[in-house]
Amino acid sequence: AIDAESEDLIHGALKEFSHGRTVFIITHALSRSFLDLVDRVVVMEQGQISASGTHEDLLKSSETYRRLSTAGAQAASPDREAA
């Protein structure tokens, strides 16, 4: 895990670097701040693509993505950090 300041620095660098380029971001931890950088999300399970689409589409259609998205949101919540 990285702290909020480091995440902001990485986000800014990726945003600047990715302008006009195709970029792959591979992560197991979803971060809402990075979702504005991507046009498409690909979900992989056991080495296979199980779903792909926009964040909104996958929240509706992919149980795995919904679970990961919920877990990422809970991990990033201020209440959890204060605990």
PDB file of N, CA and C in Angstrom:
ATOM      1  N   ALA A   1       0.843  -1.185   0.000  1.00  0.00           N
ATOM      2  CA  ALA A   1       0.000   0.000   0.000  1.00  0.00           C
ATOM      3  C   ALA A   1       0.888   1.248   0.000  1.00  0.00           C
ATOM      4  N   ILE A   2       0.374   2.288  -0.599  1.00  0.00           N
ATOM      5  CA  ILE A   2       1.104   3.557  -0.613  1.00  0.00           C
ATOM      6  C   ILE A   2       0.266   4.620   0.079  1.00  0.00           C
ATOM      7  N   ASP A   3       0.943   5.642   0.574  1.00  0.00           N
ATOM      8  CA  ASP A   3       0.219   6.717   1.250  1.00  0.00           C
ATOM      9  C   ASP A   3      -0.427   7.642   0.214  1.00  0.00           C
ATOM     10  N   ALA A   4      -1.318   8.490   0.690  1.00  0.00           N
ATOM     11  CA  ALA A   4      -2.097   9.371  -0.191  1.00  0.00           C
ATOM     12  C   ALA A   4      -1.204  10.317  -0.992  1.00  0.00           C
ATOM     13  N   GLU A   5      -0.151  10.820  -0.374  1.00  0.00           N
ATOM     14  CA  GLU A   5       0.748  11.743  -1.078  1.00  0.00           C
ATOM     15  C   GLU A   5       1.448  11.040  -2.241  1.00  0.00           C
ATOM     16  N   SER A   6       1.936   9.824  -1.992  1.00  0.00           N
ATOM     17  CA  SER A   6       2.594   9.057  -3.055  1.00  0.00           C
ATOM     18  C   SER A   6       1.614   8.717  -4.164  1.00  0.00           C
ATOM     19  N   GLU A   7       0.388   8.352  -3.791  1.00  0.00           N
ATOM     20  CA  GLU A   7      -0.631   8.043  -4.790  1.00  0.00           C
ATOM     21  C   GLU A   7      -0.910   9.260  -5.670  1.00  0.00           C
ATOM     22  N   ASP A   8      -0.977  10.435  -5.069  1.00  0.00           N
ATOM     23  CA  ASP A   8      -1.195  11.668  -5.839  1.00  0.00           C
ATOM     24  C   ASP A   8      -0.049  11.928  -6.820  1.00  0.00           C
ATOM     25  N   LEU A   9       1.184  11.693  -6.375  1.00  0.00           N
ATOM     26  CA  LEU A   9       2.341  11.886  -7.252  1.00  0.00           C
ATOM     27  C   LEU A   9       2.313  10.905  -8.428  1.00  0.00           C
ATOM     28  N   ILE A  10       2.003   9.650  -8.146  1.00  0.00           N
ATOM     29  CA  ILE A  10       1.925   8.635  -9.202  1.00  0.00           C
ATOM     30  C   ILE A  10       0.803   8.977 -10.172  1.00  0.00           C
ATOM     31  N   HIS A  11      -0.343   9.371  -9.637  1.00  0.00           N
ATOM     32  CA  HIS A  11      -1.493   9.733 -10.474  1.00  0.00           C
ATOM     33  C   HIS A  11      -1.130  10.883 -11.410  1.00  0.00           C
ATOM     34  N   GLY A  12      -0.496  11.912 -10.875  1.00  0.00           N
ATOM     35  CA  GLY A  12      -0.108  13.062 -11.691  1.00  0.00           C
ATOM     36  C   GLY A  12       0.870  12.681 -12.792  1.00  0.00           C
ATOM     37  N   ALA A  13       1.846  11.846 -12.446  1.00  0.00           N
ATOM     38  CA  ALA A  13       2.832  11.417 -13.441  1.00  0.00           C
ATOM     39  C   ALA A  13       2.178  10.571 -14.530  1.00  0.00           C
ATOM     40  N   LEU A  14       1.300   9.656 -14.134  1.00  0.00           N
ATOM     41  CA  LEU A  14       0.606   8.829 -15.125  1.00  0.00           C
ATOM     42  C   LEU A  14      -0.303   9.660 -16.018  1.00  0.00           C
ATOM     43  N   LYS A  15      -0.975  10.633 -15.427  1.00  0.00           N
ATOM     44  CA  LYS A  15      -1.877  11.483 -16.208  1.00  0.00           C
ATOM     45  C   LYS A  15      -1.089  12.251 -17.268  1.00  0.00           C
ATOM     46  N   GLU A  16       0.050  12.792 -16.877  1.00  0.00           N
ATOM     47  CA  GLU A  16       0.880  13.544 -17.818  1.00  0.00           C
ATOM     48  C   GLU A  16       1.482  12.615 -18.874  1.00  0.00           C
ATOM     49  N   PHE A  17       2.011  11.484 -18.441  1.00  0.00           N
ATOM     50  CA  PHE A  17       2.672  10.543 -19.346  1.00  0.00           C
ATOM     51  C   PHE A  17       1.705   9.906 -20.334  1.00  0.00           C
ATOM     52  N   SER A  18       0.487   9.612 -19.895  1.00  0.00           N
ATOM     53  CA  SER A  18      -0.440   8.831 -20.712  1.00  0.00           C
ATOM     54  C   SER A  18      -1.163   9.642 -21.780  1.00  0.00           C
ATOM     55  N   HIS A  19      -1.051  10.951 -21.724  1.00  0.00           N
ATOM     56  CA  HIS A  19      -1.751  11.790 -22.709  1.00  0.00           C
ATOM     57  C   HIS A  19      -1.344  11.398 -24.130  1.00  0.00           C
ATOM     58  N   GLY A  20      -2.315  10.941 -24.926  1.00  0.00           N
ATOM     59  CA  GLY A  20      -2.054  10.562 -26.305  1.00  0.00           C
ATOM     60  C   GLY A  20      -1.381   9.214 -26.480  1.00  0.00           C
ATOM     61  N   ARG A  21      -1.308   8.413 -25.407  1.00  0.00           N
ATOM     62  CA  ARG A  21      -0.641   7.112 -25.474  1.00  0.00           C
ATOM     63  C   ARG A  21      -1.580   6.014 -24.990  1.00  0.00           C
ATOM     64  N   THR A  22      -1.264   4.805 -25.407  1.00  0.00           N
ATOM     65  CA  THR A  22      -1.925   3.635 -24.844  1.00  0.00           C
ATOM     66  C   THR A  22      -1.083   3.175 -23.669  1.00  0.00           C
ATOM     67  N   VAL A  23      -1.694   3.082 -22.502  1.00  0.00           N
ATOM     68  CA  VAL A  23      -0.982   2.724 -21.285  1.00  0.00           C
ATOM     69  C   VAL A  23      -1.749   1.616 -20.577  1.00  0.00           C
ATOM     70  N   PHE A  24      -1.032   0.621 -20.093  1.00  0.00           N
ATOM     71  CA  PHE A  24      -1.630  -0.437 -19.295  1.00  0.00           C
ATOM     72  C   PHE A  24      -1.248  -0.207 -17.842  1.00  0.00           C
ATOM     73  N   ILE A  25      -2.231  -0.176 -16.979  1.00  0.00           N
ATOM     74  CA  ILE A  25      -1.998  -0.074 -15.542  1.00  0.00           C
ATOM     75  C   ILE A  25      -2.463  -1.395 -14.948  1.00  0.00           C
ATOM     76  N   ILE A  26      -1.551  -2.121 -14.328  1.00  0.00           N
ATOM     77  CA  ILE A  26      -1.884  -3.418 -13.756  1.00  0.00           C
ATOM     78  C   ILE A  26      -1.844  -3.280 -12.245  1.00  0.00           C
ATOM     79  N   THR A  27      -2.965  -3.620 -11.604  1.00  0.00           N
ATOM     80  CA  THR A  27      -3.052  -3.485 -10.155  1.00  0.00           C
ATOM     81  C   THR A  27      -4.061  -4.468  -9.589  1.00  0.00           C
ATOM     82  N   HIS A  28      -3.873  -4.812  -8.343  1.00  0.00           N
ATOM     83  CA  HIS A  28      -4.873  -5.628  -7.649  1.00  0.00           C
ATOM     84  C   HIS A  28      -5.713  -4.749  -6.727  1.00  0.00           C
ATOM     85  N   ALA A  29      -5.293  -3.513  -6.560  1.00  0.00           N
ATOM     86  CA  ALA A  29      -5.991  -2.592  -5.661  1.00  0.00           C
ATOM     87  C   ALA A  29      -6.604  -1.462  -6.482  1.00  0.00           C
ATOM     88  N   LEU A  30      -7.919  -1.434  -6.539  1.00  0.00           N
ATOM     89  CA  LEU A  30      -8.602  -0.384  -7.294  1.00  0.00           C
ATOM     90  C   LEU A  30      -8.566   0.922  -6.524  1.00  0.00           C
ATOM     91  N   SER A  31      -8.270   1.978  -7.219  1.00  0.00           N
ATOM     92  CA  SER A  31      -8.254   3.304  -6.616  1.00  0.00           C
ATOM     93  C   SER A  31      -9.134   4.212  -7.462  1.00  0.00           C
ATOM     94  N   ARG A  32     -10.112   4.844  -6.834  1.00  0.00           N
ATOM     95  CA  ARG A  32     -11.026   5.723  -7.573  1.00  0.00           C
ATOM     96  C   ARG A  32     -10.262   6.822  -8.307  1.00  0.00           C
ATOM     97  N   SER A  33      -9.160   7.276  -7.742  1.00  0.00           N
ATOM     98  CA  SER A  33      -8.415   8.357  -8.390  1.00  0.00           C
ATOM     99  C   SER A  33      -7.812   7.920  -9.719  1.00  0.00           C
ATOM    100  N   PHE A  34      -7.545   6.632  -9.892  1.00  0.00           N
ATOM    101  CA  PHE A  34      -6.965   6.157 -11.140  1.00  0.00           C
ATOM    102  C   PHE A  34      -8.018   5.837 -12.188  1.00  0.00           C
ATOM    103  N   LEU A  35      -9.263   5.690 -11.785  1.00  0.00           N
ATOM    104  CA  LEU A  35     -10.310   5.347 -12.747  1.00  0.00           C
ATOM    105  C   LEU A  35     -10.543   6.447 -13.774  1.00  0.00           C
ATOM    106  N   ASP A  36     -10.202   7.691 -13.440  1.00  0.00           N
ATOM    107  CA  ASP A  36     -10.357   8.765 -14.431  1.00  0.00           C
ATOM    108  C   ASP A  36      -9.285   8.705 -15.517  1.00  0.00           C
ATOM    109  N   LEU A  37      -8.270   7.868 -15.333  1.00  0.00           N
ATOM    110  CA  LEU A  37      -7.201   7.734 -16.315  1.00  0.00           C
ATOM    111  C   LEU A  37      -7.488   6.654 -17.355  1.00  0.00           C
ATOM    112  N   VAL A  38      -8.467   5.806 -17.095  1.00  0.00           N
ATOM    113  CA  VAL A  38      -8.669   4.644 -17.964  1.00  0.00           C
ATOM    114  C   VAL A  38      -9.967   4.736 -18.751  1.00  0.00           C
ATOM    115  N   ASP A  39      -9.915   4.223 -19.962  1.00  0.00           N
ATOM    116  CA  ASP A  39     -11.108   4.128 -20.797  1.00  0.00           C
ATOM    117  C   ASP A  39     -11.780   2.770 -20.620  1.00  0.00           C
ATOM    118  N   ARG A  40     -10.963   1.777 -20.270  1.00  0.00           N
ATOM    119  CA  ARG A  40     -11.463   0.410 -20.196  1.00  0.00           C
ATOM    120  C   ARG A  40     -10.737  -0.337 -19.089  1.00  0.00           C
ATOM    121  N   VAL A  41     -11.473  -1.179 -18.382  1.00  0.00           N
ATOM    122  CA  VAL A  41     -10.930  -2.013 -17.318  1.00  0.00           C
ATOM    123  C   VAL A  41     -11.056  -3.463 -17.767  1.00  0.00           C
ATOM    124  N   VAL A  42     -10.009  -4.250 -17.545  1.00  0.00           N
ATOM    125  CA  VAL A  42     -10.040  -5.673 -17.853  1.00  0.00           C
ATOM    126  C   VAL A  42      -9.888  -6.426 -16.539  1.00  0.00           C
ATOM    127  N   VAL A  43     -10.796  -7.354 -16.276  1.00  0.00           N
ATOM    128  CA  VAL A  43     -10.765  -8.168 -15.059  1.00  0.00           C
ATOM    129  C   VAL A  43     -10.199  -9.532 -15.424  1.00  0.00           C
ATOM    130  N   MET A  44      -9.183  -9.963 -14.674  1.00  0.00           N
ATOM    131  CA  MET A  44      -8.597 -11.282 -14.923  1.00  0.00           C
ATOM    132  C   MET A  44      -8.797 -12.165 -13.706  1.00  0.00           C
ATOM    133  N   GLU A  45      -9.133 -13.407 -13.970  1.00  0.00           N
ATOM    134  CA  GLU A  45      -9.260 -14.416 -12.923  1.00  0.00           C
ATOM    135  C   GLU A  45      -8.542 -15.669 -13.390  1.00  0.00           C
ATOM    136  N   GLN A  46      -7.636 -16.167 -12.576  1.00  0.00           N
ATOM    137  CA  GLN A  46      -6.880 -17.380 -12.865  1.00  0.00           C
ATOM    138  C   GLN A  46      -6.237 -17.328 -14.251  1.00  0.00           C
ATOM    139  N   GLY A  47      -5.668 -16.169 -14.590  1.00  0.00           N
ATOM    140  CA  GLY A  47      -4.950 -16.003 -15.839  1.00  0.00           C
ATOM    141  C   GLY A  47      -5.813 -15.804 -17.072  1.00  0.00           C
ATOM    142  N   GLN A  48      -7.111 -15.681 -16.903  1.00  0.00           N
ATOM    143  CA  GLN A  48      -8.026 -15.510 -18.021  1.00  0.00           C
ATOM    144  C   GLN A  48      -8.808 -14.208 -17.867  1.00  0.00           C
ATOM    145  N   ILE A  49      -9.128 -13.564 -18.977  1.00  0.00           N
ATOM    146  CA  ILE A  49      -9.976 -12.377 -18.935  1.00  0.00           C
ATOM    147  C   ILE A  49     -11.402 -12.830 -18.653  1.00  0.00           C
ATOM    148  N   SER A  50     -11.968 -12.348 -17.557  1.00  0.00           N
ATOM    149  CA  SER A  50     -13.338 -12.733 -17.196  1.00  0.00           C
ATOM    150  C   SER A  50     -14.348 -11.639 -17.529  1.00  0.00           C
ATOM    151  N   ALA A  51     -13.879 -10.398 -17.674  1.00  0.00           N
ATOM    152  CA  ALA A  51     -14.789  -9.294 -17.998  1.00  0.00           C
ATOM    153  C   ALA A  51     -13.969  -8.099 -18.454  1.00  0.00           C
ATOM    154  N   SER A  52     -14.612  -7.224 -19.222  1.00  0.00           N
ATOM    155  CA  SER A  52     -13.977  -5.960 -19.583  1.00  0.00           C
ATOM    156  C   SER A  52     -15.061  -4.949 -19.893  1.00  0.00           C
ATOM    157  N   GLY A  53     -14.712  -3.678 -19.698  1.00  0.00           N
ATOM    158  CA  GLY A  53     -15.654  -2.604 -19.950  1.00  0.00           C
ATOM    159  C   GLY A  53     -15.295  -1.391 -19.129  1.00  0.00           C
ATOM    160  N   THR A  54     -16.221  -0.469 -19.032  1.00  0.00           N
ATOM    161  CA  THR A  54     -16.001   0.715 -18.202  1.00  0.00           C
ATOM    162  C   THR A  54     -16.248   0.346 -16.741  1.00  0.00           C
ATOM    163  N   HIS A  55     -15.812   1.207 -15.857  1.00  0.00           N
ATOM    164  CA  HIS A  55     -16.040   0.999 -14.428  1.00  0.00           C
ATOM    165  C   HIS A  55     -17.530   0.803 -14.155  1.00  0.00           C
ATOM    166  N   GLU A  56     -18.351   1.670 -14.709  1.00  0.00           N
ATOM    167  CA  GLU A  56     -19.797   1.605 -14.478  1.00  0.00           C
ATOM    168  C   GLU A  56     -20.394   0.315 -15.026  1.00  0.00           C
ATOM    169  N   ASP A  57     -19.981  -0.083 -16.236  1.00  0.00           N
ATOM    170  CA  ASP A  57     -20.481  -1.326 -16.829  1.00  0.00           C
ATOM    171  C   ASP A  57     -20.114  -2.533 -15.974  1.00  0.00           C
ATOM    172  N   LEU A  58     -18.875  -2.566 -15.509  1.00  0.00           N
ATOM    173  CA  LEU A  58     -18.413  -3.716 -14.737  1.00  0.00           C
ATOM    174  C   LEU A  58     -19.056  -3.790 -13.361  1.00  0.00           C
ATOM    175  N   LEU A  59     -19.382  -2.653 -12.779  1.00  0.00           N
ATOM    176  CA  LEU A  59     -20.102  -2.684 -11.503  1.00  0.00           C
ATOM    177  C   LEU A  59     -21.437  -3.398 -11.658  1.00  0.00           C
ATOM    178  N   LYS A  60     -22.045  -3.273 -12.830  1.00  0.00           N
ATOM    179  CA  LYS A  60     -23.331  -3.919 -13.093  1.00  0.00           C
ATOM    180  C   LYS A  60     -23.176  -5.382 -13.510  1.00  0.00           C
ATOM    181  N   SER A  61     -22.117  -5.687 -14.266  1.00  0.00           N
ATOM    182  CA  SER A  61     -22.049  -6.994 -14.921  1.00  0.00           C
ATOM    183  C   SER A  61     -21.073  -7.999 -14.318  1.00  0.00           C
ATOM    184  N   SER A  62     -20.132  -7.566 -13.495  1.00  0.00           N
ATOM    185  CA  SER A  62     -19.094  -8.472 -12.995  1.00  0.00           C
ATOM    186  C   SER A  62     -19.092  -8.523 -11.466  1.00  0.00           C
ATOM    187  N   GLU A  63     -19.452  -9.680 -10.937  1.00  0.00           N
ATOM    188  CA  GLU A  63     -19.438  -9.871  -9.481  1.00  0.00           C
ATOM    189  C   GLU A  63     -18.020  -9.702  -8.935  1.00  0.00           C
ATOM    190  N   THR A  64     -17.029 -10.216  -9.639  1.00  0.00           N
ATOM    191  CA  THR A  64     -15.634 -10.092  -9.199  1.00  0.00           C
ATOM    192  C   THR A  64     -15.221  -8.630  -9.129  1.00  0.00           C
ATOM    193  N   TYR A  65     -15.519  -7.866 -10.160  1.00  0.00           N
ATOM    194  CA  TYR A  65     -15.161  -6.447 -10.173  1.00  0.00           C
ATOM    195  C   TYR A  65     -15.894  -5.693  -9.073  1.00  0.00           C
ATOM    196  N   ARG A  66     -17.162  -5.997  -8.892  1.00  0.00           N
ATOM    197  CA  ARG A  66     -17.952  -5.346  -7.842  1.00  0.00           C
ATOM    198  C   ARG A  66     -17.323  -5.608  -6.472  1.00  0.00           C
ATOM    199  N   ARG A  67     -16.908  -6.856  -6.241  1.00  0.00           N
ATOM    200  CA  ARG A  67     -16.286  -7.223  -4.963  1.00  0.00           C
ATOM    201  C   ARG A  67     -14.960  -6.473  -4.775  1.00  0.00           C
ATOM    202  N   LEU A  68     -14.132  -6.434  -5.819  1.00  0.00           N
ATOM    203  CA  LEU A  68     -12.851  -5.726  -5.729  1.00  0.00           C
ATOM    204  C   LEU A  68     -13.045  -4.229  -5.548  1.00  0.00           C
ATOM    205  N   SER A  69     -14.015  -3.679  -6.244  1.00  0.00           N
ATOM    206  CA  SER A  69     -14.294  -2.249  -6.144  1.00  0.00           C
ATOM    207  C   SER A  69     -14.776  -1.887  -4.747  1.00  0.00           C
ATOM    208  N   THR A  70     -15.646  -2.707  -4.196  1.00  0.00           N
ATOM    209  CA  THR A  70     -16.152  -2.475  -2.839  1.00  0.00           C
ATOM    210  C   THR A  70     -15.024  -2.585  -1.820  1.00  0.00           C
ATOM    211  N   ALA A  71     -14.175  -3.601  -1.973  1.00  0.00           N
ATOM    212  CA  ALA A  71     -13.048  -3.784  -1.052  1.00  0.00           C
ATOM    213  C   ALA A  71     -12.084  -2.607  -1.137  1.00  0.00           C
ATOM    214  N   GLY A  72     -11.828  -2.105  -2.344  1.00  0.00           N
ATOM    215  CA  GLY A  72     -10.941  -0.956  -2.518  1.00  0.00           C
ATOM    216  C   GLY A  72     -11.504   0.301  -1.903  1.00  0.00           C
ATOM    217  N   ALA A  73     -12.807   0.496  -2.042  1.00  0.00           N
ATOM    218  CA  ALA A  73     -13.455   1.682  -1.467  1.00  0.00           C
ATOM    219  C   ALA A  73     -13.421   1.626   0.051  1.00  0.00           C
ATOM    220  N   GLN A  74     -13.626   0.444   0.614  1.00  0.00           N
ATOM    221  CA  GLN A  74     -13.595   0.310   2.072  1.00  0.00           C
ATOM    222  C   GLN A  74     -12.191   0.540   2.610  1.00  0.00           C
ATOM    223  N   ALA A  75     -11.186   0.051   1.894  1.00  0.00           N
ATOM    224  CA  ALA A  75      -9.802   0.231   2.334  1.00  0.00           C
ATOM    225  C   ALA A  75      -9.386   1.693   2.295  1.00  0.00           C
ATOM    226  N   ALA A  76      -9.966   2.464   1.388  1.00  0.00           N
ATOM    227  CA  ALA A  76      -9.591   3.872   1.235  1.00  0.00           C
ATOM    228  C   ALA A  76     -10.432   4.814   2.079  1.00  0.00           C
ATOM    229  N   SER A  77     -11.448   4.298   2.760  1.00  0.00           N
ATOM    230  CA  SER A  77     -12.336   5.184   3.513  1.00  0.00           C
ATOM    231  C   SER A  77     -11.629   5.769   4.725  1.00  0.00           C
ATOM    232  N   PRO A  78     -11.876   7.042   5.039  1.00  0.00           N
ATOM    233  CA  PRO A  78     -11.239   7.690   6.187  1.00  0.00           C
ATOM    234  C   PRO A  78     -11.569   7.002   7.505  1.00  0.00           C
ATOM    235  N   ASP A  79     -12.772   6.439   7.622  1.00  0.00           N
ATOM    236  CA  ASP A  79     -13.148   5.757   8.856  1.00  0.00           C
ATOM    237  C   ASP A  79     -12.236   4.575   9.127  1.00  0.00           C
ATOM    238  N   ARG A  80     -11.894   3.853   8.098  1.00  0.00           N
ATOM    239  CA  ARG A  80     -11.044   2.688   8.259  1.00  0.00           C
ATOM    240  C   ARG A  80      -9.626   3.098   8.639  1.00  0.00           C
ATOM    241  N   GLU A  81      -9.125   4.197   8.050  1.00  0.00           N
ATOM    242  CA  GLU A  81      -7.779   4.658   8.372  1.00  0.00           C
ATOM    243  C   GLU A  81      -7.683   5.118   9.818  1.00  0.00           C
ATOM    244  N   ALA A  82      -8.763   5.659  10.346  1.00  0.00           N
ATOM    245  CA  ALA A  82      -8.747   6.155  11.721  1.00  0.00           C
ATOM    246  C   ALA A  82      -8.828   5.024  12.729  1.00  0.00           C
ATOM    247  N   ALA A  83      -9.294   3.851  12.309  1.00  0.00           N
ATOM    248  CA  ALA A  83      -9.475   2.721  13.232  1.00  0.00           C
ATOM    249  C   ALA A  83      -8.165   2.102  13.616  1.00  0.00           C
TER     250      ALA A  83
END
